[in-house]
Amino acid sequence: IAGVLLDTGVSTPQLEDTSRGFSYKSKKDGPLDLRMDQSVGMPASAWLQTVSAAELAWVIYTCGHSLDEMLALRVATGILQWQ
């Protein structure tokens, strides 16, 4: 293999513009949005207000890294307690 091209779907301006909700610097920098198109759907912060720890754990387990189910539930519970 001479090279690899990877398109993660996120650009530097999206990461640097705290109003987009992708900022990783701190919670006070901007809302947790995470939508590529801010005119569609709801921000991640609003979605987190509506889900249970079990639902969030399912998303983390299904779409996330190779965590086991119990660890996904612990992470989900921690996220919901932190917010």
N, C-alpha and C. Protein backbone atom coordinates (compact mmCIF):
# COMPACT_ATOMS: atom_id res chain seq x y z
N ILE A 1 0.85 -1.17 0.00
CA ILE A 1 0.00 0.00 0.00
C ILE A 1 0.89 1.23 0.00
N ALA A 2 0.66 2.10 -0.96
CA ALA A 2 1.46 3.32 -1.08
C ALA A 2 0.87 4.47 -0.27
N GLY A 3 -0.41 4.40 0.05
CA GLY A 3 -1.03 5.47 0.83
C GLY A 3 -2.48 5.14 1.13
N VAL A 4 -3.06 5.93 1.99
CA VAL A 4 -4.45 5.74 2.40
C VAL A 4 -5.12 7.10 2.43
N LEU A 5 -6.34 7.16 1.92
CA LEU A 5 -7.13 8.39 1.97
C LEU A 5 -8.30 8.14 2.91
N LEU A 6 -8.45 8.99 3.90
CA LEU A 6 -9.52 8.84 4.89
C LEU A 6 -10.32 10.13 4.97
N ASP A 7 -11.62 10.03 4.75
CA ASP A 7 -12.51 11.18 4.88
C ASP A 7 -13.37 10.94 6.11
N THR A 8 -13.07 11.64 7.19
CA THR A 8 -13.83 11.45 8.43
C THR A 8 -15.13 12.24 8.44
N GLY A 9 -15.31 13.10 7.44
CA GLY A 9 -16.54 13.87 7.34
C GLY A 9 -16.57 15.12 8.20
N VAL A 10 -15.48 15.43 8.86
CA VAL A 10 -15.40 16.61 9.72
C VAL A 10 -14.22 17.44 9.25
N SER A 11 -14.41 18.75 9.18
CA SER A 11 -13.33 19.63 8.75
C SER A 11 -12.82 20.45 9.93
N THR A 12 -11.63 21.00 9.78
CA THR A 12 -11.03 21.82 10.83
C THR A 12 -11.94 22.98 11.24
N PRO A 13 -12.57 23.70 10.29
CA PRO A 13 -13.48 24.77 10.72
C PRO A 13 -14.62 24.27 11.61
N GLN A 14 -15.13 23.07 11.35
CA GLN A 14 -16.19 22.54 12.21
C GLN A 14 -15.67 22.26 13.61
N LEU A 15 -14.44 21.80 13.72
CA LEU A 15 -13.87 21.51 15.03
C LEU A 15 -13.50 22.78 15.78
N GLU A 16 -13.10 23.80 15.06
CA GLU A 16 -12.66 25.05 15.70
C GLU A 16 -13.80 26.00 16.03
N ASP A 17 -14.92 25.90 15.33
CA ASP A 17 -16.07 26.78 15.58
C ASP A 17 -16.88 26.18 16.72
N THR A 18 -16.76 26.76 17.92
CA THR A 18 -17.40 26.18 19.10
C THR A 18 -18.92 26.17 19.01
N SER A 19 -19.50 27.01 18.17
CA SER A 19 -20.96 27.02 18.06
C SER A 19 -21.47 25.80 17.30
N ARG A 20 -20.58 25.05 16.63
CA ARG A 20 -20.99 23.85 15.90
C ARG A 20 -21.20 22.66 16.83
N GLY A 21 -20.63 22.70 18.03
CA GLY A 21 -20.84 21.62 18.97
C GLY A 21 -19.88 20.46 18.84
N PHE A 22 -18.85 20.59 18.03
CA PHE A 22 -17.84 19.54 17.89
C PHE A 22 -16.61 19.84 18.74
N SER A 23 -16.58 21.00 19.39
CA SER A 23 -15.40 21.41 20.14
C SER A 23 -15.09 20.41 21.25
N TYR A 24 -13.85 20.07 21.38
CA TYR A 24 -13.41 19.14 22.41
C TYR A 24 -12.67 19.85 23.54
N LYS A 25 -12.65 21.17 23.49
CA LYS A 25 -11.87 21.93 24.47
C LYS A 25 -12.52 21.93 25.84
N SER A 26 -13.78 22.29 25.94
CA SER A 26 -14.50 22.25 27.22
C SER A 26 -15.98 22.47 26.98
N LYS A 27 -16.79 22.11 27.95
CA LYS A 27 -18.24 22.26 27.84
C LYS A 27 -18.65 23.72 27.68
N LYS A 28 -17.91 24.63 28.30
CA LYS A 28 -18.30 26.04 28.26
C LYS A 28 -18.03 26.70 26.91
N ASP A 29 -17.27 26.03 26.03
CA ASP A 29 -16.96 26.61 24.73
C ASP A 29 -18.15 26.66 23.79
N GLY A 30 -19.09 25.78 23.95
CA GLY A 30 -20.24 25.77 23.06
C GLY A 30 -21.16 24.61 23.41
N PRO A 31 -22.32 24.59 22.79
CA PRO A 31 -23.28 23.52 23.07
C PRO A 31 -22.82 22.19 22.47
N LEU A 32 -23.29 21.09 23.03
CA LEU A 32 -23.01 19.78 22.47
C LEU A 32 -24.04 19.54 21.38
N ASP A 33 -23.66 19.77 20.13
CA ASP A 33 -24.59 19.68 19.01
C ASP A 33 -24.34 18.41 18.21
N LEU A 34 -23.18 18.31 17.59
CA LEU A 34 -22.72 17.14 16.83
C LEU A 34 -23.48 16.84 15.56
N ARG A 35 -24.28 17.78 15.05
CA ARG A 35 -24.97 17.57 13.78
C ARG A 35 -24.15 18.17 12.65
N MET A 36 -24.06 17.47 11.55
CA MET A 36 -23.38 18.02 10.39
C MET A 36 -24.25 19.12 9.77
N ASP A 37 -25.56 18.92 9.74
CA ASP A 37 -26.51 19.91 9.22
C ASP A 37 -27.36 20.37 10.40
N GLN A 38 -27.10 21.56 10.91
CA GLN A 38 -27.77 22.03 12.12
C GLN A 38 -29.24 22.37 11.90
N SER A 39 -29.72 22.29 10.67
CA SER A 39 -31.15 22.55 10.42
C SER A 39 -31.99 21.28 10.50
N VAL A 40 -31.34 20.13 10.71
CA VAL A 40 -32.04 18.85 10.74
C VAL A 40 -31.83 18.18 12.10
N GLY A 41 -32.90 17.63 12.65
CA GLY A 41 -32.78 16.87 13.89
C GLY A 41 -32.61 17.74 15.12
N MET A 42 -32.14 17.11 16.19
CA MET A 42 -31.93 17.84 17.45
C MET A 42 -30.48 17.75 17.88
N PRO A 43 -30.01 18.75 18.61
CA PRO A 43 -28.63 18.71 19.11
C PRO A 43 -28.43 17.51 20.04
N ALA A 44 -27.22 17.05 20.12
CA ALA A 44 -26.91 15.93 21.01
C ALA A 44 -27.27 16.25 22.46
N SER A 45 -27.10 17.50 22.87
CA SER A 45 -27.42 17.89 24.24
C SER A 45 -28.91 17.69 24.53
N ALA A 46 -29.77 18.01 23.57
CA ALA A 46 -31.21 17.82 23.75
C ALA A 46 -31.56 16.33 23.73
N TRP A 47 -30.91 15.58 22.84
CA TRP A 47 -31.17 14.14 22.75
C TRP A 47 -30.79 13.44 24.05
N LEU A 48 -29.67 13.85 24.64
CA LEU A 48 -29.23 13.23 25.90
C LEU A 48 -30.22 13.46 27.03
N GLN A 49 -31.01 14.53 26.94
CA GLN A 49 -32.03 14.82 27.96
C GLN A 49 -33.21 13.85 27.86
N THR A 50 -33.34 13.15 26.73
CA THR A 50 -34.51 12.31 26.50
C THR A 50 -34.25 10.81 26.62
N VAL A 51 -32.99 10.40 26.70
CA VAL A 51 -32.68 8.96 26.68
C VAL A 51 -32.38 8.43 28.07
N SER A 52 -32.59 7.14 28.22
CA SER A 52 -32.23 6.46 29.46
C SER A 52 -30.78 5.98 29.35
N ALA A 53 -30.21 5.57 30.46
CA ALA A 53 -28.85 5.04 30.45
C ALA A 53 -28.78 3.79 29.57
N ALA A 54 -29.82 2.97 29.59
CA ALA A 54 -29.83 1.75 28.77
C ALA A 54 -29.84 2.09 27.28
N GLU A 55 -30.61 3.11 26.89
CA GLU A 55 -30.64 3.51 25.48
C GLU A 55 -29.29 4.08 25.03
N LEU A 56 -28.71 4.92 25.86
CA LEU A 56 -27.41 5.49 25.53
C LEU A 56 -26.34 4.40 25.49
N ALA A 57 -26.41 3.45 26.41
CA ALA A 57 -25.47 2.33 26.42
C ALA A 57 -25.58 1.53 25.13
N TRP A 58 -26.80 1.33 24.63
CA TRP A 58 -26.98 0.60 23.38
C TRP A 58 -26.29 1.33 22.24
N VAL A 59 -26.43 2.67 22.19
CA VAL A 59 -25.78 3.45 21.12
C VAL A 59 -24.27 3.34 21.25
N ILE A 60 -23.75 3.48 22.44
CA ILE A 60 -22.30 3.39 22.66
C ILE A 60 -21.80 2.01 22.28
N TYR A 61 -22.51 0.99 22.69
CA TYR A 61 -22.09 -0.39 22.40
C TYR A 61 -22.20 -0.71 20.92
N THR A 62 -23.29 -0.28 20.28
CA THR A 62 -23.53 -0.61 18.88
C THR A 62 -22.67 0.22 17.93
N CYS A 63 -22.52 1.50 18.21
CA CYS A 63 -21.83 2.41 17.28
C CYS A 63 -20.43 2.78 17.74
N GLY A 64 -20.10 2.44 18.95
CA GLY A 64 -18.82 2.87 19.50
C GLY A 64 -17.73 1.86 19.30
N HIS A 65 -16.73 2.00 20.10
CA HIS A 65 -15.59 1.10 20.05
C HIS A 65 -15.98 -0.24 20.64
N SER A 66 -15.09 -1.18 20.61
CA SER A 66 -15.41 -2.54 21.05
C SER A 66 -15.42 -2.64 22.58
N LEU A 67 -16.39 -1.98 23.17
CA LEU A 67 -16.61 -2.08 24.62
C LEU A 67 -17.51 -3.27 24.89
N ASP A 68 -17.41 -3.83 26.07
CA ASP A 68 -18.41 -4.83 26.41
C ASP A 68 -19.67 -4.11 26.88
N GLU A 69 -20.76 -4.82 26.95
CA GLU A 69 -22.05 -4.19 27.25
C GLU A 69 -22.08 -3.54 28.63
N MET A 70 -21.46 -4.18 29.61
CA MET A 70 -21.47 -3.61 30.96
C MET A 70 -20.65 -2.32 31.02
N LEU A 71 -19.53 -2.27 30.31
CA LEU A 71 -18.72 -1.06 30.29
C LEU A 71 -19.47 0.05 29.56
N ALA A 72 -20.18 -0.29 28.48
CA ALA A 72 -20.98 0.70 27.76
C ALA A 72 -22.03 1.30 28.69
N LEU A 73 -22.65 0.48 29.53
CA LEU A 73 -23.65 0.97 30.48
C LEU A 73 -23.01 1.88 31.53
N ARG A 74 -21.84 1.53 32.00
CA ARG A 74 -21.14 2.38 32.98
C ARG A 74 -20.77 3.73 32.37
N VAL A 75 -20.30 3.72 31.12
CA VAL A 75 -19.96 4.96 30.43
C VAL A 75 -21.22 5.81 30.24
N ALA A 76 -22.31 5.18 29.79
CA ALA A 76 -23.57 5.90 29.56
C ALA A 76 -24.08 6.51 30.86
N THR A 77 -24.04 5.77 31.93
CA THR A 77 -24.49 6.27 33.23
C THR A 77 -23.65 7.46 33.66
N GLY A 78 -22.35 7.38 33.46
CA GLY A 78 -21.46 8.49 33.80
C GLY A 78 -21.75 9.74 32.98
N ILE A 79 -22.01 9.56 31.69
CA ILE A 79 -22.33 10.70 30.83
C ILE A 79 -23.60 11.38 31.31
N LEU A 80 -24.64 10.60 31.58
CA LEU A 80 -25.91 11.19 32.01
C LEU A 80 -25.80 11.83 33.38
N GLN A 81 -25.00 11.28 34.27
CA GLN A 81 -24.80 11.90 35.58
C GLN A 81 -24.00 13.20 35.46
N TRP A 82 -23.03 13.25 34.56
CA TRP A 82 -22.17 14.42 34.41
C TRP A 82 -22.94 15.62 33.89
N GLN A 83 -23.87 15.37 32.97
CA GLN A 83 -24.56 16.52 32.37
C GLN A 83 -25.53 17.09 33.36
